[in-house]
């Protein structure tokens, strides 16, 4: 899948999802939020992915001004996973 505001690289069972709007210091947008949700869900159901790393490069974003209303994401069907710390 092609994304506008994030980069996704999967190799050696590691998915790296990187924020990719350096000129805006990776500021929040609803497009990026949707893309992140899609990328994390795709990594969750990919049997080859064992680790997900979220990165931001030099800058990490601040929250948007004011409240942001987001629809609920609904259930995700995925293979059984074992999470560290549980």
PDB file of N, CA and C in Angstrom:
ATOM      1  N   UNK A   1       0.843  -1.186   0.000  1.00  0.00           N
ATOM      2  CA  UNK A   1       0.000   0.000   0.000  1.00  0.00           C
ATOM      3  C   UNK A   1       0.886   1.246   0.000  1.00  0.00           C
ATOM      4  N   UNK A   2       0.421   2.277  -0.641  1.00  0.00           N
ATOM      5  CA  UNK A   2       1.136   3.545  -0.687  1.00  0.00           C
ATOM      6  C   UNK A   2       0.521   4.516   0.314  1.00  0.00           C
ATOM      7  N   UNK A   3       1.382   5.181   1.076  1.00  0.00           N
ATOM      8  CA  UNK A   3       0.932   6.137   2.081  1.00  0.00           C
ATOM      9  C   UNK A   3       1.472   7.515   1.736  1.00  0.00           C
ATOM     10  N   UNK A   4       0.768   8.561   2.184  1.00  0.00           N
ATOM     11  CA  UNK A   4       1.195   9.938   1.953  1.00  0.00           C
ATOM     12  C   UNK A   4       2.083  10.477   3.070  1.00  0.00           C
ATOM     13  N   UNK A   5       1.800  10.078   4.317  1.00  0.00           N
ATOM     14  CA  UNK A   5       2.424  10.750   5.453  1.00  0.00           C
ATOM     15  C   UNK A   5       3.217   9.829   6.370  1.00  0.00           C
ATOM     16  N   UNK A   6       3.322   8.566   6.010  1.00  0.00           N
ATOM     17  CA  UNK A   6       4.158   7.634   6.765  1.00  0.00           C
ATOM     18  C   UNK A   6       4.938   6.772   5.786  1.00  0.00           C
ATOM     19  N   UNK A   7       6.013   6.181   6.276  1.00  0.00           N
ATOM     20  CA  UNK A   7       6.777   5.200   5.516  1.00  0.00           C
ATOM     21  C   UNK A   7       6.658   3.870   6.241  1.00  0.00           C
ATOM     22  N   UNK A   8       6.492   2.789   5.489  1.00  0.00           N
ATOM     23  CA  UNK A   8       6.418   1.462   6.079  1.00  0.00           C
ATOM     24  C   UNK A   8       7.449   0.579   5.394  1.00  0.00           C
ATOM     25  N   UNK A   9       8.286  -0.037   6.200  1.00  0.00           N
ATOM     26  CA  UNK A   9       9.319  -0.930   5.688  1.00  0.00           C
ATOM     27  C   UNK A   9       9.252  -2.228   6.491  1.00  0.00           C
ATOM     28  N   UNK A  10       9.099  -3.357   5.794  1.00  0.00           N
ATOM     29  CA  UNK A  10       9.064  -4.653   6.466  1.00  0.00           C
ATOM     30  C   UNK A  10      10.213  -5.493   5.929  1.00  0.00           C
ATOM     31  N   UNK A  11      11.080  -5.907   6.840  1.00  0.00           N
ATOM     32  CA  UNK A  11      12.153  -6.831   6.471  1.00  0.00           C
ATOM     33  C   UNK A  11      12.625  -7.566   7.713  1.00  0.00           C
ATOM     34  N   UNK A  12      13.008  -8.809   7.502  1.00  0.00           N
ATOM     35  CA  UNK A  12      13.483  -9.668   8.600  1.00  0.00           C
ATOM     36  C   UNK A  12      12.488  -9.724   9.758  1.00  0.00           C
ATOM     37  N   UNK A  13      11.211  -9.809   9.445  1.00  0.00           N
ATOM     38  CA  UNK A  13      10.124  -9.923  10.436  1.00  0.00           C
ATOM     39  C   UNK A  13       9.926  -8.671  11.286  1.00  0.00           C
ATOM     40  N   UNK A  14      10.500  -7.549  10.862  1.00  0.00           N
ATOM     41  CA  UNK A  14      10.369  -6.287  11.595  1.00  0.00           C
ATOM     42  C   UNK A  14       9.675  -5.267  10.697  1.00  0.00           C
ATOM     43  N   UNK A  15       8.559  -4.720  11.173  1.00  0.00           N
ATOM     44  CA  UNK A  15       7.872  -3.639  10.464  1.00  0.00           C
ATOM     45  C   UNK A  15       8.274  -2.329  11.125  1.00  0.00           C
ATOM     46  N   UNK A  16       8.841  -1.430  10.342  1.00  0.00           N
ATOM     47  CA  UNK A  16       9.189  -0.100  10.844  1.00  0.00           C
ATOM     48  C   UNK A  16       8.229   0.895  10.203  1.00  0.00           C
ATOM     49  N   UNK A  17       7.480   1.600  11.041  1.00  0.00           N
ATOM     50  CA  UNK A  17       6.522   2.600  10.583  1.00  0.00           C
ATOM     51  C   UNK A  17       7.047   3.964  11.023  1.00  0.00           C
ATOM     52  N   UNK A  18       7.361   4.813  10.057  1.00  0.00           N
ATOM     53  CA  UNK A  18       8.013   6.096  10.341  1.00  0.00           C
ATOM     54  C   UNK A  18       7.117   7.255   9.914  1.00  0.00           C
ATOM     55  N   UNK A  19       6.940   8.230  10.801  1.00  0.00           N
ATOM     56  CA  UNK A  19       6.237   9.461  10.436  1.00  0.00           C
ATOM     57  C   UNK A  19       7.056  10.164   9.368  1.00  0.00           C
ATOM     58  N   UNK A  20       6.401  10.716   8.339  1.00  0.00           N
ATOM     59  CA  UNK A  20       7.145  11.270   7.214  1.00  0.00           C
ATOM     60  C   UNK A  20       6.594  12.617   6.752  1.00  0.00           C
ATOM     61  N   UNK A  21       6.562  13.574   7.669  1.00  0.00           N
ATOM     62  CA  UNK A  21       6.229  14.957   7.313  1.00  0.00           C
ATOM     63  C   UNK A  21       7.237  15.879   7.985  1.00  0.00           C
ATOM     64  N   UNK A  22       8.523  15.728   7.674  1.00  0.00           N
ATOM     65  CA  UNK A  22       9.533  16.509   8.396  1.00  0.00           C
ATOM     66  C   UNK A  22       9.373  18.017   8.226  1.00  0.00           C
ATOM     67  N   UNK A  23       8.873  18.458   7.071  1.00  0.00           N
ATOM     68  CA  UNK A  23       8.724  19.901   6.861  1.00  0.00           C
ATOM     69  C   UNK A  23       7.665  20.504   7.786  1.00  0.00           C
ATOM     70  N   UNK A  24       6.735  19.678   8.289  1.00  0.00           N
ATOM     71  CA  UNK A  24       5.739  20.129   9.264  1.00  0.00           C
ATOM     72  C   UNK A  24       6.041  19.571  10.656  1.00  0.00           C
ATOM     73  N   UNK A  25       7.259  19.114  10.852  1.00  0.00           N
ATOM     74  CA  UNK A  25       7.699  18.547  12.131  1.00  0.00           C
ATOM     75  C   UNK A  25       6.781  17.414  12.586  1.00  0.00           C
ATOM     76  N   UNK A  26       6.297  16.667  11.605  1.00  0.00           N
ATOM     77  CA  UNK A  26       5.427  15.512  11.839  1.00  0.00           C
ATOM     78  C   UNK A  26       4.159  15.865  12.601  1.00  0.00           C
ATOM     79  N   UNK A  27       3.623  17.060  12.343  1.00  0.00           N
ATOM     80  CA  UNK A  27       2.391  17.492  12.994  1.00  0.00           C
ATOM     81  C   UNK A  27       1.232  16.569  12.692  1.00  0.00           C
ATOM     82  N   UNK A  28       0.313  16.490  13.623  1.00  0.00           N
ATOM     83  CA  UNK A  28      -0.847  15.605  13.519  1.00  0.00           C
ATOM     84  C   UNK A  28      -1.744  16.001  12.360  1.00  0.00           C
ATOM     85  N   UNK A  29      -2.229  15.007  11.631  1.00  0.00           N
ATOM     86  CA  UNK A  29      -3.316  15.188  10.667  1.00  0.00           C
ATOM     87  C   UNK A  29      -4.207  13.954  10.751  1.00  0.00           C
ATOM     88  N   UNK A  30      -5.458  14.106  10.365  1.00  0.00           N
ATOM     89  CA  UNK A  30      -6.353  12.953  10.374  1.00  0.00           C
ATOM     90  C   UNK A  30      -5.927  11.937   9.314  1.00  0.00           C
ATOM     91  N   UNK A  31      -5.330  12.401   8.228  1.00  0.00           N
ATOM     92  CA  UNK A  31      -4.824  11.478   7.204  1.00  0.00           C
ATOM     93  C   UNK A  31      -3.756  10.579   7.803  1.00  0.00           C
ATOM     94  N   UNK A  32      -2.822  11.174   8.532  1.00  0.00           N
ATOM     95  CA  UNK A  32      -1.765  10.372   9.145  1.00  0.00           C
ATOM     96  C   UNK A  32      -2.325   9.411  10.179  1.00  0.00           C
ATOM     97  N   UNK A  33      -3.304   9.842  10.947  1.00  0.00           N
ATOM     98  CA  UNK A  33      -3.924   8.957  11.928  1.00  0.00           C
ATOM     99  C   UNK A  33      -4.560   7.752  11.235  1.00  0.00           C
ATOM    100  N   UNK A  34      -5.249   7.995  10.136  1.00  0.00           N
ATOM    101  CA  UNK A  34      -5.853   6.895   9.373  1.00  0.00           C
ATOM    102  C   UNK A  34      -4.779   5.970   8.814  1.00  0.00           C
ATOM    103  N   UNK A  35      -3.709   6.548   8.280  1.00  0.00           N
ATOM    104  CA  UNK A  35      -2.624   5.734   7.725  1.00  0.00           C
ATOM    105  C   UNK A  35      -1.950   4.890   8.800  1.00  0.00           C
ATOM    106  N   UNK A  36      -1.730   5.465   9.969  1.00  0.00           N
ATOM    107  CA  UNK A  36      -1.124   4.690  11.057  1.00  0.00           C
ATOM    108  C   UNK A  36      -2.021   3.525  11.464  1.00  0.00           C
ATOM    109  N   UNK A  37      -3.311   3.780  11.590  1.00  0.00           N
ATOM    110  CA  UNK A  37      -4.237   2.710  11.925  1.00  0.00           C
ATOM    111  C   UNK A  37      -4.194   1.593  10.907  1.00  0.00           C
ATOM    112  N   UNK A  38      -4.189   1.951   9.635  1.00  0.00           N
ATOM    113  CA  UNK A  38      -4.132   0.956   8.564  1.00  0.00           C
ATOM    114  C   UNK A  38      -2.824   0.172   8.618  1.00  0.00           C
ATOM    115  N   UNK A  39      -1.715   0.870   8.809  1.00  0.00           N
ATOM    116  CA  UNK A  39      -0.402   0.207   8.838  1.00  0.00           C
ATOM    117  C   UNK A  39      -0.267  -0.722  10.046  1.00  0.00           C
ATOM    118  N   UNK A  40      -0.740  -0.297  11.221  1.00  0.00           N
ATOM    119  CA  UNK A  40      -0.659  -1.157  12.405  1.00  0.00           C
ATOM    120  C   UNK A  40      -1.565  -2.378  12.253  1.00  0.00           C
ATOM    121  N   UNK A  41      -2.754  -2.182  11.692  1.00  0.00           N
ATOM    122  CA  UNK A  41      -3.640  -3.333  11.473  1.00  0.00           C
ATOM    123  C   UNK A  41      -3.026  -4.302  10.475  1.00  0.00           C
ATOM    124  N   UNK A  42      -2.415  -3.794   9.410  1.00  0.00           N
ATOM    125  CA  UNK A  42      -1.774  -4.663   8.418  1.00  0.00           C
ATOM    126  C   UNK A  42      -0.629  -5.448   9.052  1.00  0.00           C
ATOM    127  N   UNK A  43       0.169  -4.790   9.888  1.00  0.00           N
ATOM    128  CA  UNK A  43       1.275  -5.487  10.557  1.00  0.00           C
ATOM    129  C   UNK A  43       0.743  -6.548  11.515  1.00  0.00           C
ATOM    130  N   UNK A  44      -0.368  -6.258  12.158  1.00  0.00           N
ATOM    131  CA  UNK A  44      -0.944  -7.191  13.126  1.00  0.00           C
ATOM    132  C   UNK A  44      -1.401  -8.495  12.471  1.00  0.00           C
ATOM    133  N   UNK A  45      -1.904  -8.434  11.256  1.00  0.00           N
ATOM    134  CA  UNK A  45      -2.415  -9.640  10.597  1.00  0.00           C
ATOM    135  C   UNK A  45      -1.387 -10.290   9.675  1.00  0.00           C
ATOM    136  N   UNK A  46      -0.224  -9.683   9.498  1.00  0.00           N
ATOM    137  CA  UNK A  46       0.822 -10.255   8.655  1.00  0.00           C
ATOM    138  C   UNK A  46       1.597 -11.304   9.457  1.00  0.00           C
ATOM    139  N   UNK A  47       1.515 -12.572   9.063  1.00  0.00           N
ATOM    140  CA  UNK A  47       2.189 -13.613   9.850  1.00  0.00           C
ATOM    141  C   UNK A  47       3.712 -13.507   9.827  1.00  0.00           C
ATOM    142  N   UNK A  48       4.268 -12.772   8.889  1.00  0.00           N
ATOM    143  CA  UNK A  48       5.718 -12.597   8.820  1.00  0.00           C
ATOM    144  C   UNK A  48       6.229 -11.552   9.804  1.00  0.00           C
ATOM    145  N   UNK A  49       5.366 -10.643  10.242  1.00  0.00           N
ATOM    146  CA  UNK A  49       5.791  -9.552  11.129  1.00  0.00           C
ATOM    147  C   UNK A  49       5.761 -10.027  12.576  1.00  0.00           C
ATOM    148  N   UNK A  50       6.897  -9.894  13.254  1.00  0.00           N
ATOM    149  CA  UNK A  50       7.011 -10.271  14.661  1.00  0.00           C
ATOM    150  C   UNK A  50       7.232  -9.054  15.557  1.00  0.00           C
ATOM    151  N   UNK A  51       7.740  -7.973  15.001  1.00  0.00           N
ATOM    152  CA  UNK A  51       8.050  -6.768  15.779  1.00  0.00           C
ATOM    153  C   UNK A  51       7.606  -5.558  14.971  1.00  0.00           C
ATOM    154  N   UNK A  52       7.017  -4.564  15.652  1.00  0.00           N
ATOM    155  CA  UNK A  52       6.669  -3.295  15.009  1.00  0.00           C
ATOM    156  C   UNK A  52       7.408  -2.193  15.743  1.00  0.00           C
ATOM    157  N   UNK A  53       8.097  -1.358  14.977  1.00  0.00           N
ATOM    158  CA  UNK A  53       8.811  -0.209  15.534  1.00  0.00           C
ATOM    159  C   UNK A  53       8.172   1.043  14.952  1.00  0.00           C
ATOM    160  N   UNK A  54       7.739   1.957  15.811  1.00  0.00           N
ATOM    161  CA  UNK A  54       7.205   3.233  15.365  1.00  0.00           C
ATOM    162  C   UNK A  54       8.300   4.275  15.565  1.00  0.00           C
ATOM    163  N   UNK A  55       8.588   5.027  14.517  1.00  0.00           N
ATOM    164  CA  UNK A  55       9.675   6.000  14.563  1.00  0.00           C
ATOM    165  C   UNK A  55       9.185   7.341  14.030  1.00  0.00           C
ATOM    166  N   UNK A  56       9.906   8.393  14.374  1.00  0.00           N
ATOM    167  CA  UNK A  56       9.491   9.708  13.898  1.00  0.00           C
ATOM    168  C   UNK A  56      10.621  10.511  13.277  1.00  0.00           C
ATOM    169  N   UNK A  57      11.799   9.950  13.165  1.00  0.00           N
ATOM    170  CA  UNK A  57      12.906  10.745  12.658  1.00  0.00           C
ATOM    171  C   UNK A  57      13.306  11.772  13.698  1.00  0.00           C
ATOM    172  N   UNK A  58      13.559  12.993  13.264  1.00  0.00           N
ATOM    173  CA  UNK A  58      14.035  14.044  14.166  1.00  0.00           C
ATOM    174  C   UNK A  58      12.942  14.586  15.091  1.00  0.00           C
ATOM    175  N   UNK A  59      11.742  14.797  14.570  1.00  0.00           N
ATOM    176  CA  UNK A  59      10.678  15.448  15.345  1.00  0.00           C
ATOM    177  C   UNK A  59       9.505  14.513  15.587  1.00  0.00           C
ATOM    178  N   UNK A  60       8.941  14.628  16.779  1.00  0.00           N
ATOM    179  CA  UNK A  60       7.702  13.926  17.081  1.00  0.00           C
ATOM    180  C   UNK A  60       6.632  14.967  17.293  1.00  0.00           C
ATOM    181  N   UNK A  61       5.430  14.689  16.881  1.00  0.00           N
ATOM    182  CA  UNK A  61       4.360  15.671  16.849  1.00  0.00           C
ATOM    183  C   UNK A  61       3.778  16.034  18.197  1.00  0.00           C
ATOM    184  N   UNK A  62       3.159  17.187  18.207  1.00  0.00           N
ATOM    185  CA  UNK A  62       2.345  17.608  19.337  1.00  0.00           C
ATOM    186  C   UNK A  62       0.893  17.286  18.991  1.00  0.00           C
ATOM    187  N   UNK A  63       0.032  17.152  19.987  1.00  0.00           N
ATOM    188  CA  UNK A  63      -1.369  16.871  19.669  1.00  0.00           C
ATOM    189  C   UNK A  63      -2.006  18.042  18.937  1.00  0.00           C
ATOM    190  N   UNK A  64      -3.075  17.774  18.212  1.00  0.00           N
ATOM    191  CA  UNK A  64      -3.743  18.866  17.491  1.00  0.00           C
ATOM    192  C   UNK A  64      -4.422  19.819  18.464  1.00  0.00           C
ATOM    193  N   UNK A  65      -4.658  21.050  18.037  1.00  0.00           N
ATOM    194  CA  UNK A  65      -5.379  21.965  18.910  1.00  0.00           C
ATOM    195  C   UNK A  65      -6.844  21.555  18.997  1.00  0.00           C
ATOM    196  N   UNK A  66      -7.379  21.548  20.191  1.00  0.00           N
ATOM    197  CA  UNK A  66      -8.789  21.222  20.362  1.00  0.00           C
ATOM    198  C   UNK A  66      -9.076  19.732  20.264  1.00  0.00           C
ATOM    199  N   UNK A  67     -10.304  19.363  20.549  1.00  0.00           N
ATOM    200  CA  UNK A  67     -10.661  17.945  20.522  1.00  0.00           C
ATOM    201  C   UNK A  67     -10.714  17.407  19.093  1.00  0.00           C
ATOM    202  N   UNK A  68     -10.377  16.148  18.954  1.00  0.00           N
ATOM    203  CA  UNK A  68     -10.460  15.465  17.672  1.00  0.00           C
ATOM    204  C   UNK A  68     -11.422  14.305  17.840  1.00  0.00           C
ATOM    205  N   UNK A  69     -12.467  14.304  17.044  1.00  0.00           N
ATOM    206  CA  UNK A  69     -13.425  13.210  17.131  1.00  0.00           C
ATOM    207  C   UNK A  69     -13.050  12.154  16.112  1.00  0.00           C
ATOM    208  N   UNK A  70     -12.901  10.934  16.590  1.00  0.00           N
ATOM    209  CA  UNK A  70     -12.536   9.813  15.730  1.00  0.00           C
ATOM    210  C   UNK A  70     -13.581   8.730  15.885  1.00  0.00           C
ATOM    211  N   UNK A  71     -14.008   8.121  14.791  1.00  0.00           N
ATOM    212  CA  UNK A  71     -14.935   6.999  14.930  1.00  0.00           C
ATOM    213  C   UNK A  71     -14.217   5.806  15.542  1.00  0.00           C
ATOM    214  N   UNK A  72     -14.931   4.943  16.244  1.00  0.00           N
ATOM    215  CA  UNK A  72     -14.291   3.752  16.817  1.00  0.00           C
ATOM    216  C   UNK A  72     -13.746   2.857  15.708  1.00  0.00           C
ATOM    217  N   UNK A  73     -12.653   2.163  15.998  1.00  0.00           N
ATOM    218  CA  UNK A  73     -12.008   1.336  14.995  1.00  0.00           C
ATOM    219  C   UNK A  73     -12.648  -0.029  14.834  1.00  0.00           C
ATOM    220  N   UNK A  74     -13.377  -0.541  15.716  1.00  0.00           N
ATOM    221  CA  UNK A  74     -13.979  -1.857  15.529  1.00  0.00           C
ATOM    222  C   UNK A  74     -12.959  -2.966  15.709  1.00  0.00           C
ATOM    223  N   UNK A  75     -13.427  -4.194  15.749  1.00  0.00           N
ATOM    224  CA  UNK A  75     -12.532  -5.322  16.047  1.00  0.00           C
ATOM    225  C   UNK A  75     -11.595  -5.642  14.888  1.00  0.00           C
ATOM    226  N   UNK A  76     -10.455  -6.193  15.241  1.00  0.00           N
ATOM    227  CA  UNK A  76      -9.468  -6.640  14.274  1.00  0.00           C
ATOM    228  C   UNK A  76      -9.269  -8.128  14.478  1.00  0.00           C
ATOM    229  N   UNK A  77      -9.475  -8.905  13.432  1.00  0.00           N
ATOM    230  CA  UNK A  77      -9.207 -10.330  13.532  1.00  0.00           C
ATOM    231  C   UNK A  77      -7.737 -10.556  13.246  1.00  0.00           C
ATOM    232  N   UNK A  78      -7.083 -11.316  14.103  1.00  0.00           N
ATOM    233  CA  UNK A  78      -5.665 -11.561  13.914  1.00  0.00           C
ATOM    234  C   UNK A  78      -5.287 -12.913  14.493  1.00  0.00           C
ATOM    235  N   UNK A  79      -4.155 -13.440  14.048  1.00  0.00           N
ATOM    236  CA  UNK A  79      -3.679 -14.681  14.648  1.00  0.00           C
ATOM    237  C   UNK A  79      -3.304 -14.435  16.112  1.00  0.00           C
ATOM    238  N   UNK A  80      -3.249 -15.498  16.877  1.00  0.00           N
ATOM    239  CA  UNK A  80      -2.871 -15.382  18.287  1.00  0.00           C
ATOM    240  C   UNK A  80      -1.486 -14.770  18.398  1.00  0.00           C
ATOM    241  N   UNK A  81      -1.345 -13.753  19.200  1.00  0.00           N
ATOM    242  CA  UNK A  81      -0.063 -13.086  19.426  1.00  0.00           C
ATOM    243  C   UNK A  81       0.303 -13.165  20.893  1.00  0.00           C
ATOM    244  N   UNK A  82       1.576 -13.186  21.170  1.00  0.00           N
ATOM    245  CA  UNK A  82       2.076 -13.111  22.524  1.00  0.00           C
ATOM    246  C   UNK A  82       2.751 -11.755  22.678  1.00  0.00           C
ATOM    247  N   UNK A  83       2.294 -10.974  23.634  1.00  0.00           N
ATOM    248  CA  UNK A  83       2.827  -9.637  23.828  1.00  0.00           C
ATOM    249  C   UNK A  83       3.709  -9.619  25.063  1.00  0.00           C
ATOM    250  N   UNK A  84       4.832  -8.954  24.976  1.00  0.00           N
ATOM    251  CA  UNK A  84       5.713  -8.811  26.126  1.00  0.00           C
ATOM    252  C   UNK A  84       5.029  -7.994  27.201  1.00  0.00           C
ATOM    253  N   UNK A  85       5.243  -8.358  28.439  1.00  0.00           N
ATOM    254  CA  UNK A  85       4.705  -7.580  29.547  1.00  0.00           C
ATOM    255  C   UNK A  85       3.292  -7.970  29.926  1.00  0.00           C
ATOM    256  N   UNK A  86       2.739  -9.005  29.309  1.00  0.00           N
ATOM    257  CA  UNK A  86       1.370  -9.410  29.674  1.00  0.00           C
ATOM    258  C   UNK A  86       1.386 -10.730  30.399  1.00  0.00           C
TER     259      UNK A  86
END
